[in-house]
Structures are given as structure tokens and as C-alpha cells.
Amino acid sequence: CFFILGLRVTVLLTSSLMVLGAGLRCVPVSDLEIRKKLIHGGQLLNGLAGPTVMNAAPFLSTTWFSPDERATATAIASLLNYLGCAGAFLVGPLVVPSPNGTAHGPLLSQSSTEHIKDRIEAVLYAEFGMVSLIFSAALAYFPSRPPFPPSVAAASQRLSYRRSFCRLLSNFRFLMIALAYAIPLGVFSGWSGVLDLILTPVHVSQVDAGWIGFWSIVGGCVVGIAMARFADFIRGMLKFILLLLLSGATLASTWFTLTCLTSVTHLPLTT
């Protein structure tokens, strides 16, 4: 899509899909079946925009930044998406009361169905407003490329979309890299999105689960950007850095899982 339409048109198309998807979720319809279909349709449009959001960072950094800045630029553009997810961990518990019986104190007494419904609608309207603001900013000013290419790669002639796609699918090393990227990302995205539900059986409140998700993502963003800057300064270390980060993530995930299996491992589970 980037190669065919260019960066500006692709971002505007993606933003418009997100605006339309967020708007469909806000349509005030009393019929629950129609409302459910609108919400699913909105989520589908938002999902169609996902590949661009996840893949724009490398193309953006190649187009706008020199080689000694590229890893840092890619990390910042990629990890800002995760900061949005970190914000969602706070907005959910702090704005919408918990219906799963894990909340404590005055929060639990407000957890009527209507109150939860009103708070969810407030979050949906706020998300629609933020997405519309981003779309307006991109529409006002978002050039496809800088006036002068910052590197040879940015100025090089691109292959056609069809030819590029066929060559990539026949490249075994590329497929291995794509799997190494996609599998951890897919598992983490699906797992982190329902972290509060995962931690409910071990009696962790929705608020505590939100803070756990928030600080874990913020910590990952800070370390990721720092390591990317380190990789820009010291060339040839990228593979070692990736192996180090993936190994650390594997160990941390294993330890987190074992602490949640309190009946099996007998490890202490504390805030």
C-alpha cells in the first residue's frame, strides 16, 4: 500500500478508516442487535487500519531519517503505538467500573449496568474525538517525503508492488524474520488485551491489573528506545540486541506465568 499510494495517501486512508470505525461504535441505537453489528463493523474497519499502523514505522524511518538515526526513529514510531495501549490500561479501570467482582470500596457500589454502559459510551466518544483530531492533523499537514532524500535507500527506485511481493514470498530468510516478528507480537497483543480477565482468578483487581499492564508497557517502551539508540551508535550489534531482548521477554513471561499458578508452583503472588 505504501509503494502504490505513497505515505501520505496511505496514512490518510488508514486514519479515515479509524474515524469511520470509531464513529460506528458511537451511533446511538436502542436496538441491541443493530448496535452490536455497528460495533463489530467499527472494530473491523479499525482492524483493517492495523497493518498500516504496525508497518508504517520502518517505511517512515527509511524515508525521513539517515542510517545512523533509523533504528531510533523506527523504535519511537513503533513504541508510541504501545504507549496508547498503556493508556488504555489506565483509562479502562479508572473510568469504567469493574463488573467482575474484583473491585473494592466505593467503586463496586457504582457498578450498575446502566452506569457501566454510560461510562463505556463516554470512552467510545473520547476515542472518536481523538481519532478525528489525528485525522484532521494528518489531512492538514503530512508530506509523503522530505524535500531532499536523507540516504541512498530513501532515494532508490522501488520495485513494483507485485514483483516485490513475489520476491519476498520466495525469500526464506525474510519469512523467518517475519515469523520471528509476528508470533511474539501476536501472542503479546492478544494476551495483554485481556490481562484483567486473566488475573481475575488469582484475585487481582481490574485497577491493579491495569497498573501492571501500564508499567510493563511503559518500561518496555523506555528500554526499547534506549536499546535502539544504542544500536544506532554501535553498528553490527542489532542481532545480539534482539536476541537479548527476546530472551529477557521469554524469562519474564515464564516467571509471570509461574507466579500466577500459585496452586502448582506455590510461589508468592503479591502486588
C-alpha atoms as a PDB file:
ATOM      1  CA  CYS A   1       0.000   0.000   0.000  1.00  0.00           C
ATOM      2  CA  PHE A   2       2.884   2.387   0.817  1.00  0.00           C
ATOM      3  CA  PHE A   3       4.560   1.609  -2.508  1.00  0.00           C
ATOM      4  CA  ILE A   4       1.385   2.080  -4.558  1.00  0.00           C
ATOM      5  CA  LEU A   5      -0.259   5.080  -2.881  1.00  0.00           C
ATOM      6  CA  GLY A   6       2.635   6.728  -1.051  1.00  0.00           C
ATOM      7  CA  LEU A   7       2.980   7.523   2.629  1.00  0.00           C
ATOM      8  CA  ARG A   8       0.555  10.462   2.815  1.00  0.00           C
ATOM      9  CA  VAL A   9      -2.347   8.824   0.970  1.00  0.00           C
ATOM     10  CA  THR A  10      -1.882   5.581   2.925  1.00  0.00           C
ATOM     11  CA  VAL A  11      -1.898   7.357   6.300  1.00  0.00           C
ATOM     12  CA  LEU A  12      -4.959   9.419   5.332  1.00  0.00           C
ATOM     13  CA  LEU A  13      -6.783   6.292   4.153  1.00  0.00           C
ATOM     14  CA  THR A  14      -5.885   4.486   7.359  1.00  0.00           C
ATOM     15  CA  SER A  15      -6.949   7.442   9.515  1.00  0.00           C
ATOM     16  CA  SER A  16     -10.278   7.693   7.695  1.00  0.00           C
ATOM     17  CA  LEU A  17     -10.944   4.000   8.353  1.00  0.00           C
ATOM     18  CA  MET A  18     -10.237   4.576  12.045  1.00  0.00           C
ATOM     19  CA  VAL A  19     -12.526   7.633  12.158  1.00  0.00           C
ATOM     20  CA  LEU A  20     -15.339   5.725  10.454  1.00  0.00           C
ATOM     21  CA  GLY A  21     -14.801   2.689  12.698  1.00  0.00           C
ATOM     22  CA  ALA A  22     -14.778   4.771  15.880  1.00  0.00           C
ATOM     23  CA  GLY A  23     -17.852   6.666  14.665  1.00  0.00           C
ATOM     24  CA  LEU A  24     -19.850   3.486  14.038  1.00  0.00           C
ATOM     25  CA  ARG A  25     -19.290   2.427  17.643  1.00  0.00           C
ATOM     26  CA  CYS A  26     -20.821   5.716  18.833  1.00  0.00           C
ATOM     27  CA  VAL A  27     -24.079   5.577  16.857  1.00  0.00           C
ATOM     28  CA  PRO A  28     -26.884   5.870  19.479  1.00  0.00           C
ATOM     29  CA  VAL A  29     -29.150   2.949  18.538  1.00  0.00           C
ATOM     30  CA  SER A  30     -31.511   1.420  21.084  1.00  0.00           C
ATOM     31  CA  ASP A  31     -31.779  -1.920  19.280  1.00  0.00           C
ATOM     32  CA  LEU A  32     -29.010  -4.088  20.782  1.00  0.00           C
ATOM     33  CA  GLU A  33     -28.666  -6.316  17.704  1.00  0.00           C
ATOM     34  CA  ILE A  34     -28.128  -3.317  15.409  1.00  0.00           C
ATOM     35  CA  ARG A  35     -25.780  -1.766  17.959  1.00  0.00           C
ATOM     36  CA  LYS A  36     -23.771  -4.981  18.122  1.00  0.00           C
ATOM     37  CA  LYS A  37     -23.440  -5.108  14.336  1.00  0.00           C
ATOM     38  CA  LEU A  38     -22.317  -1.480  14.237  1.00  0.00           C
ATOM     39  CA  ILE A  39     -19.699  -2.123  16.916  1.00  0.00           C
ATOM     40  CA  HIS A  40     -18.401  -5.200  15.109  1.00  0.00           C
ATOM     41  CA  GLY A  41     -18.305  -3.235  11.849  1.00  0.00           C
ATOM     42  CA  GLY A  42     -16.370  -0.451  13.554  1.00  0.00           C
ATOM     43  CA  GLN A  43     -13.898  -2.925  15.003  1.00  0.00           C
ATOM     44  CA  LEU A  44     -13.466  -4.486  11.554  1.00  0.00           C
ATOM     45  CA  LEU A  45     -12.629  -1.106   9.995  1.00  0.00           C
ATOM     46  CA  ASN A  46     -10.235  -0.373  12.834  1.00  0.00           C
ATOM     47  CA  GLY A  47      -8.615  -3.777  12.279  1.00  0.00           C
ATOM     48  CA  LEU A  48      -8.160  -3.028   8.559  1.00  0.00           C
ATOM     49  CA  ALA A  49      -6.131   0.005   9.589  1.00  0.00           C
ATOM     50  CA  GLY A  50      -3.929  -2.122  11.855  1.00  0.00           C
ATOM     51  CA  PRO A  51      -1.373  -3.328   9.269  1.00  0.00           C
ATOM     52  CA  THR A  52      -0.542   0.248   8.313  1.00  0.00           C
ATOM     53  CA  VAL A  53      -0.155   1.304  11.941  1.00  0.00           C
ATOM     54  CA  MET A  54       2.160  -1.632  12.650  1.00  0.00           C
ATOM     55  CA  ASN A  55       4.206  -1.352   9.447  1.00  0.00           C
ATOM     56  CA  ALA A  56       4.445   2.388   8.816  1.00  0.00           C
ATOM     57  CA  ALA A  57       7.390   2.898  11.191  1.00  0.00           C
ATOM     58  CA  PRO A  58      10.146   1.222   9.078  1.00  0.00           C
ATOM     59  CA  PHE A  59       8.962   2.921   5.883  1.00  0.00           C
ATOM     60  CA  LEU A  60       8.726   6.264   7.685  1.00  0.00           C
ATOM     61  CA  SER A  61      12.231   5.962   9.136  1.00  0.00           C
ATOM     62  CA  THR A  62      13.724   4.902   5.781  1.00  0.00           C
ATOM     63  CA  THR A  63      12.065   7.824   4.000  1.00  0.00           C
ATOM     64  CA  TRP A  64      12.824  10.580   6.503  1.00  0.00           C
ATOM     65  CA  PHE A  65      15.924   9.578   8.516  1.00  0.00           C
ATOM     66  CA  SER A  66      19.594   8.865   7.853  1.00  0.00           C
ATOM     67  CA  PRO A  67      21.051   5.375   8.539  1.00  0.00           C
ATOM     68  CA  ASP A  68      22.545   6.359  11.918  1.00  0.00           C
ATOM     69  CA  GLU A  69      19.105   7.536  13.124  1.00  0.00           C
ATOM     70  CA  ARG A  70      16.948   4.839  11.586  1.00  0.00           C
ATOM     71  CA  ALA A  71      16.743   2.320  14.450  1.00  0.00           C
ATOM     72  CA  THR A  72      15.839   5.077  16.912  1.00  0.00           C
ATOM     73  CA  ALA A  73      13.202   6.533  14.592  1.00  0.00           C
ATOM     74  CA  THR A  74      11.701   3.088  13.964  1.00  0.00           C
ATOM     75  CA  ALA A  75      11.614   2.329  17.697  1.00  0.00           C
ATOM     76  CA  ILE A  76       9.950   5.628  18.614  1.00  0.00           C
ATOM     77  CA  ALA A  77       7.330   5.378  15.864  1.00  0.00           C
ATOM     78  CA  SER A  78       6.577   1.737  16.722  1.00  0.00           C
ATOM     79  CA  LEU A  79       6.550   2.081  20.502  1.00  0.00           C
ATOM     80  CA  LEU A  80       4.286   5.147  20.547  1.00  0.00           C
ATOM     81  CA  ASN A  81       1.551   2.739  19.487  1.00  0.00           C
ATOM     82  CA  TYR A  82       2.224   0.731  22.644  1.00  0.00           C
ATOM     83  CA  LEU A  83       2.012   3.881  24.776  1.00  0.00           C
ATOM     84  CA  GLY A  84      -1.562   4.168  23.541  1.00  0.00           C
ATOM     85  CA  CYS A  85      -2.160   0.629  24.772  1.00  0.00           C
ATOM     86  CA  ALA A  86      -0.592   1.581  28.107  1.00  0.00           C
ATOM     87  CA  GLY A  87      -3.015   4.492  28.349  1.00  0.00           C
ATOM     88  CA  ALA A  88      -5.896   2.099  27.702  1.00  0.00           C
ATOM     89  CA  PHE A  89      -4.843   0.082  30.755  1.00  0.00           C
ATOM     90  CA  LEU A  90      -5.379   3.199  32.886  1.00  0.00           C
ATOM     91  CA  VAL A  91      -8.493   4.553  31.176  1.00  0.00           C
ATOM     92  CA  GLY A  92     -10.371   1.259  31.439  1.00  0.00           C
ATOM     93  CA  PRO A  93     -10.105   0.674  35.212  1.00  0.00           C
ATOM     94  CA  LEU A  94     -10.247   4.367  36.187  1.00  0.00           C
ATOM     95  CA  VAL A  95     -13.225   5.345  34.017  1.00  0.00           C
ATOM     96  CA  VAL A  96     -15.278   2.143  33.705  1.00  0.00           C
ATOM     97  CA  PRO A  97     -16.215   0.301  36.939  1.00  0.00           C
ATOM     98  CA  SER A  98     -15.354  -3.378  37.147  1.00  0.00           C
ATOM     99  CA  PRO A  99     -18.225  -5.851  36.655  1.00  0.00           C
ATOM    100  CA  ASN A 100     -16.216  -8.961  37.555  1.00  0.00           C
ATOM    101  CA  GLY A 101     -16.348  -8.699  41.348  1.00  0.00           C
ATOM    102  CA  THR A 102     -12.694  -7.795  41.792  1.00  0.00           C
ATOM    103  CA  ALA A 103     -13.207  -4.122  42.609  1.00  0.00           C
ATOM    104  CA  HIS A 104     -13.148  -2.897  46.192  1.00  0.00           C
ATOM    105  CA  GLY A 105     -14.602   0.019  48.113  1.00  0.00           C
ATOM    106  CA  PRO A 106     -16.885   2.681  46.634  1.00  0.00           C
ATOM    107  CA  LEU A 107     -16.084   1.634  43.075  1.00  0.00           C
ATOM    108  CA  LEU A 108     -18.039  -1.589  43.476  1.00  0.00           C
ATOM    109  CA  SER A 109     -21.210   0.159  44.725  1.00  0.00           C
ATOM    110  CA  GLN A 110     -21.441   2.146  41.447  1.00  0.00           C
ATOM    111  CA  SER A 111     -21.188  -0.895  39.230  1.00  0.00           C
ATOM    112  CA  SER A 112     -24.753  -0.939  37.981  1.00  0.00           C
ATOM    113  CA  THR A 113     -25.389  -1.973  34.407  1.00  0.00           C
ATOM    114  CA  GLU A 114     -26.554   1.480  33.332  1.00  0.00           C
ATOM    115  CA  HIS A 115     -23.627   3.219  34.990  1.00  0.00           C
ATOM    116  CA  ILE A 116     -21.121   0.898  33.299  1.00  0.00           C
ATOM    117  CA  LYS A 117     -22.905   1.426  29.966  1.00  0.00           C
ATOM    118  CA  ASP A 118     -22.697   5.215  30.304  1.00  0.00           C
ATOM    119  CA  ARG A 119     -19.004   5.099  31.188  1.00  0.00           C
ATOM    120  CA  ILE A 120     -18.192   2.816  28.233  1.00  0.00           C
ATOM    121  CA  GLU A 121     -20.031   5.193  25.898  1.00  0.00           C
ATOM    122  CA  ALA A 122     -18.011   8.100  27.310  1.00  0.00           C
ATOM    123  CA  VAL A 123     -14.783   6.230  26.482  1.00  0.00           C
ATOM    124  CA  LEU A 124     -16.026   5.496  22.945  1.00  0.00           C
ATOM    125  CA  TYR A 125     -16.915   9.167  22.341  1.00  0.00           C
ATOM    126  CA  ALA A 126     -13.499  10.258  23.651  1.00  0.00           C
ATOM    127  CA  GLU A 127     -11.739   7.781  21.349  1.00  0.00           C
ATOM    128  CA  PHE A 128     -13.763   9.053  18.377  1.00  0.00           C
ATOM    129  CA  GLY A 129     -12.731  12.622  19.217  1.00  0.00           C
ATOM    130  CA  MET A 130      -9.024  11.731  19.466  1.00  0.00           C
ATOM    131  CA  VAL A 131      -9.029   9.758  16.201  1.00  0.00           C
ATOM    132  CA  SER A 132     -10.820  12.617  14.428  1.00  0.00           C
ATOM    133  CA  LEU A 133      -8.216  15.066  15.732  1.00  0.00           C
ATOM    134  CA  ILE A 134      -5.365  12.883  14.443  1.00  0.00           C
ATOM    135  CA  PHE A 135      -7.048  12.571  11.046  1.00  0.00           C
ATOM    136  CA  SER A 136      -7.517  16.349  10.853  1.00  0.00           C
ATOM    137  CA  ALA A 137      -3.838  16.926  11.694  1.00  0.00           C
ATOM    138  CA  ALA A 138      -2.685  14.438   9.038  1.00  0.00           C
ATOM    139  CA  LEU A 139      -5.045  15.996   6.496  1.00  0.00           C
ATOM    140  CA  ALA A 140      -3.693  19.474   7.230  1.00  0.00           C
ATOM    141  CA  TYR A 141      -0.014  18.522   7.009  1.00  0.00           C
ATOM    142  CA  PHE A 142       1.585  15.139   6.375  1.00  0.00           C
ATOM    143  CA  PRO A 143       4.012  15.155   3.401  1.00  0.00           C
ATOM    144  CA  SER A 144       4.893  11.881   1.705  1.00  0.00           C
ATOM    145  CA  ARG A 145       8.650  12.561   1.651  1.00  0.00           C
ATOM    146  CA  PRO A 146      11.207  15.179   2.698  1.00  0.00           C
ATOM    147  CA  PRO A 147      12.447  17.816   0.211  1.00  0.00           C
ATOM    148  CA  PHE A 148      15.810  16.033  -0.027  1.00  0.00           C
ATOM    149  CA  PRO A 149      16.311  12.260   0.494  1.00  0.00           C
ATOM    150  CA  PRO A 150      18.353  11.623   3.690  1.00  0.00           C
ATOM    151  CA  SER A 151      20.044   8.485   2.346  1.00  0.00           C
ATOM    152  CA  VAL A 152      20.666   6.358  -0.727  1.00  0.00           C
ATOM    153  CA  ALA A 153      17.920   3.949   0.366  1.00  0.00           C
ATOM    154  CA  ALA A 154      15.375   6.779   0.522  1.00  0.00           C
ATOM    155  CA  ALA A 155      16.278   7.925  -2.986  1.00  0.00           C
ATOM    156  CA  SER A 156      16.486   4.463  -4.593  1.00  0.00           C
ATOM    157  CA  GLN A 157      13.947   3.291  -7.130  1.00  0.00           C
ATOM    158  CA  ARG A 158      11.344   0.922  -5.651  1.00  0.00           C
ATOM    159  CA  LEU A 159      10.298  -2.320  -7.255  1.00  0.00           C
ATOM    160  CA  SER A 160       6.701  -2.729  -8.288  1.00  0.00           C
ATOM    161  CA  TYR A 161       4.305  -3.985  -5.630  1.00  0.00           C
ATOM    162  CA  ARG A 162       3.605  -7.276  -7.383  1.00  0.00           C
ATOM    163  CA  ARG A 163       7.254  -8.000  -8.086  1.00  0.00           C
ATOM    164  CA  SER A 164       8.272  -7.102  -4.522  1.00  0.00           C
ATOM    165  CA  PHE A 165       5.553  -9.312  -3.053  1.00  0.00           C
ATOM    166  CA  CYS A 166       6.578 -12.331  -5.150  1.00  0.00           C
ATOM    167  CA  ARG A 167      10.263 -11.912  -4.306  1.00  0.00           C
ATOM    168  CA  LEU A 168       9.565 -11.630  -0.585  1.00  0.00           C
ATOM    169  CA  LEU A 169       7.374 -14.752  -0.531  1.00  0.00           C
ATOM    170  CA  SER A 170      10.172 -16.729  -2.184  1.00  0.00           C
ATOM    171  CA  ASN A 171      12.796 -15.440   0.270  1.00  0.00           C
ATOM    172  CA  PHE A 172      13.145 -17.980   3.092  1.00  0.00           C
ATOM    173  CA  ARG A 173      15.161 -15.642   5.329  1.00  0.00           C
ATOM    174  CA  PHE A 174      12.521 -12.948   5.046  1.00  0.00           C
ATOM    175  CA  LEU A 175       9.788 -15.435   6.009  1.00  0.00           C
ATOM    176  CA  MET A 176      11.784 -16.475   9.088  1.00  0.00           C
ATOM    177  CA  ILE A 177      12.240 -12.838  10.111  1.00  0.00           C
ATOM    178  CA  ALA A 178       8.533 -12.178   9.564  1.00  0.00           C
ATOM    179  CA  LEU A 179       7.596 -15.158  11.761  1.00  0.00           C
ATOM    180  CA  ALA A 180      10.064 -14.102  14.450  1.00  0.00           C
ATOM    181  CA  TYR A 181       8.366 -10.699  14.498  1.00  0.00           C
ATOM    182  CA  ALA A 182       4.738 -11.774  14.096  1.00  0.00           C
ATOM    183  CA  ILE A 183       4.487 -14.671  16.584  1.00  0.00           C
ATOM    184  CA  PRO A 184       5.672 -12.808  19.740  1.00  0.00           C
ATOM    185  CA  LEU A 185       3.738  -9.688  18.713  1.00  0.00           C
ATOM    186  CA  GLY A 186       0.514 -11.610  18.108  1.00  0.00           C
ATOM    187  CA  VAL A 187       0.758 -13.531  21.379  1.00  0.00           C
ATOM    188  CA  PHE A 188       1.588 -10.424  23.416  1.00  0.00           C
ATOM    189  CA  SER A 189      -1.138  -8.294  21.821  1.00  0.00           C
ATOM    190  CA  GLY A 190      -3.827 -10.892  22.436  1.00  0.00           C
ATOM    191  CA  TRP A 191      -2.608 -11.648  25.959  1.00  0.00           C
ATOM    192  CA  SER A 192      -2.199  -8.044  27.120  1.00  0.00           C
ATOM    193  CA  GLY A 193      -5.624  -7.040  25.829  1.00  0.00           C
ATOM    194  CA  VAL A 194      -7.372  -9.348  28.313  1.00  0.00           C
ATOM    195  CA  LEU A 195      -4.872  -9.060  31.176  1.00  0.00           C
ATOM    196  CA  ASP A 196      -7.546  -8.062  33.693  1.00  0.00           C
ATOM    197  CA  LEU A 197      -9.588 -11.167  32.845  1.00  0.00           C
ATOM    198  CA  ILE A 198      -6.501 -13.386  33.078  1.00  0.00           C
ATOM    199  CA  LEU A 199      -5.672 -12.067  36.554  1.00  0.00           C
ATOM    200  CA  THR A 200      -9.232 -12.219  37.920  1.00  0.00           C
ATOM    201  CA  PRO A 201      -8.980 -15.923  39.011  1.00  0.00           C
ATOM    202  CA  VAL A 202      -5.937 -15.073  41.163  1.00  0.00           C
ATOM    203  CA  HIS A 203      -7.887 -12.234  42.839  1.00  0.00           C
ATOM    204  CA  VAL A 204      -6.109  -9.283  41.230  1.00  0.00           C
ATOM    205  CA  SER A 205      -8.461  -6.322  40.811  1.00  0.00           C
ATOM    206  CA  GLN A 206      -9.085  -4.641  37.473  1.00  0.00           C
ATOM    207  CA  VAL A 207      -7.336  -1.487  38.723  1.00  0.00           C
ATOM    208  CA  ASP A 208      -4.214  -3.401  39.809  1.00  0.00           C
ATOM    209  CA  ALA A 209      -4.187  -5.324  36.510  1.00  0.00           C
ATOM    210  CA  GLY A 210      -4.407  -2.005  34.656  1.00  0.00           C
ATOM    211  CA  TRP A 211      -1.409  -0.615  36.524  1.00  0.00           C
ATOM    212  CA  ILE A 212       0.547  -3.828  35.878  1.00  0.00           C
ATOM    213  CA  GLY A 213      -0.163  -3.543  32.157  1.00  0.00           C
ATOM    214  CA  PHE A 214       0.600   0.188  32.127  1.00  0.00           C
ATOM    215  CA  TRP A 215       4.003  -0.012  33.819  1.00  0.00           C
ATOM    216  CA  SER A 216       5.073  -3.112  31.896  1.00  0.00           C
ATOM    217  CA  ILE A 217       4.387  -1.412  28.558  1.00  0.00           C
ATOM    218  CA  VAL A 218       5.949   1.907  29.613  1.00  0.00           C
ATOM    219  CA  GLY A 219       9.040   0.040  30.836  1.00  0.00           C
ATOM    220  CA  GLY A 220       9.228  -1.839  27.554  1.00  0.00           C
ATOM    221  CA  CYS A 221       8.952   1.396  25.561  1.00  0.00           C
ATOM    222  CA  VAL A 222      11.715   3.112  27.535  1.00  0.00           C
ATOM    223  CA  VAL A 223      14.073   0.130  27.261  1.00  0.00           C
ATOM    224  CA  GLY A 224      13.203  -0.387  23.587  1.00  0.00           C
ATOM    225  CA  ILE A 225      14.006   3.199  22.617  1.00  0.00           C
ATOM    226  CA  ALA A 226      17.212   3.157  24.682  1.00  0.00           C
ATOM    227  CA  MET A 227      18.366  -0.075  23.028  1.00  0.00           C
ATOM    228  CA  ALA A 228      17.507   1.284  19.580  1.00  0.00           C
ATOM    229  CA  ARG A 229      19.605   4.378  20.238  1.00  0.00           C
ATOM    230  CA  PHE A 230      22.438   2.102  21.385  1.00  0.00           C
ATOM    231  CA  ALA A 231      22.093   0.096  18.148  1.00  0.00           C
ATOM    232  CA  ASP A 232      22.411   3.308  16.091  1.00  0.00           C
ATOM    233  CA  PHE A 233      25.651   4.219  17.861  1.00  0.00           C
ATOM    234  CA  ILE A 234      27.211   0.760  17.642  1.00  0.00           C
ATOM    235  CA  ARG A 235      26.579  -0.811  14.229  1.00  0.00           C
ATOM    236  CA  GLY A 236      26.523  -4.578  13.777  1.00  0.00           C
ATOM    237  CA  MET A 237      25.001  -5.318  17.216  1.00  0.00           C
ATOM    238  CA  LEU A 238      21.340  -5.436  16.197  1.00  0.00           C
ATOM    239  CA  LYS A 239      21.046  -9.231  16.107  1.00  0.00           C
ATOM    240  CA  PHE A 240      22.651  -9.583  19.541  1.00  0.00           C
ATOM    241  CA  ILE A 241      20.357  -6.882  20.963  1.00  0.00           C
ATOM    242  CA  LEU A 242      17.263  -8.596  19.557  1.00  0.00           C
ATOM    243  CA  LEU A 243      18.323 -11.952  20.989  1.00  0.00           C
ATOM    244  CA  LEU A 244      18.943 -10.302  24.360  1.00  0.00           C
ATOM    245  CA  LEU A 245      15.537  -8.613  24.399  1.00  0.00           C
ATOM    246  CA  LEU A 246      13.651 -11.730  23.264  1.00  0.00           C
ATOM    247  CA  SER A 247      15.452 -13.865  25.863  1.00  0.00           C
ATOM    248  CA  GLY A 248      14.576 -11.399  28.597  1.00  0.00           C
ATOM    249  CA  ALA A 249      10.943 -11.306  27.475  1.00  0.00           C
ATOM    250  CA  THR A 250      10.788 -15.118  27.500  1.00  0.00           C
ATOM    251  CA  LEU A 251      12.206 -15.345  31.029  1.00  0.00           C
ATOM    252  CA  ALA A 252       9.919 -12.594  32.319  1.00  0.00           C
ATOM    253  CA  SER A 253       6.828 -14.170  30.745  1.00  0.00           C
ATOM    254  CA  THR A 254       7.730 -17.568  32.186  1.00  0.00           C
ATOM    255  CA  TRP A 255       8.220 -16.103  35.671  1.00  0.00           C
ATOM    256  CA  PHE A 256       4.933 -14.189  35.455  1.00  0.00           C
ATOM    257  CA  THR A 257       3.108 -17.368  34.422  1.00  0.00           C
ATOM    258  CA  LEU A 258       4.626 -19.392  37.252  1.00  0.00           C
ATOM    259  CA  THR A 259       3.669 -16.802  39.859  1.00  0.00           C
ATOM    260  CA  CYS A 260       0.056 -16.932  38.644  1.00  0.00           C
ATOM    261  CA  LEU A 261      -0.021 -20.742  39.010  1.00  0.00           C
ATOM    262  CA  THR A 262       0.017 -20.474  42.792  1.00  0.00           C
ATOM    263  CA  SER A 263      -1.694 -23.829  43.346  1.00  0.00           C
ATOM    264  CA  VAL A 264       1.037 -25.616  41.370  1.00  0.00           C
ATOM    265  CA  THR A 265       4.233 -23.651  41.986  1.00  0.00           C
ATOM    266  CA  HIS A 266       3.475 -22.267  45.488  1.00  0.00           C
ATOM    267  CA  LEU A 267       5.281 -19.052  44.536  1.00  0.00           C
ATOM    268  CA  PRO A 268       4.058 -15.933  46.365  1.00  0.00           C
ATOM    269  CA  LEU A 269       1.728 -13.690  44.354  1.00  0.00           C
ATOM    270  CA  THR A 270       1.780 -10.136  45.726  1.00  0.00           C
ATOM    271  CA  THR A 271       1.070  -6.690  44.348  1.00  0.00           C
END
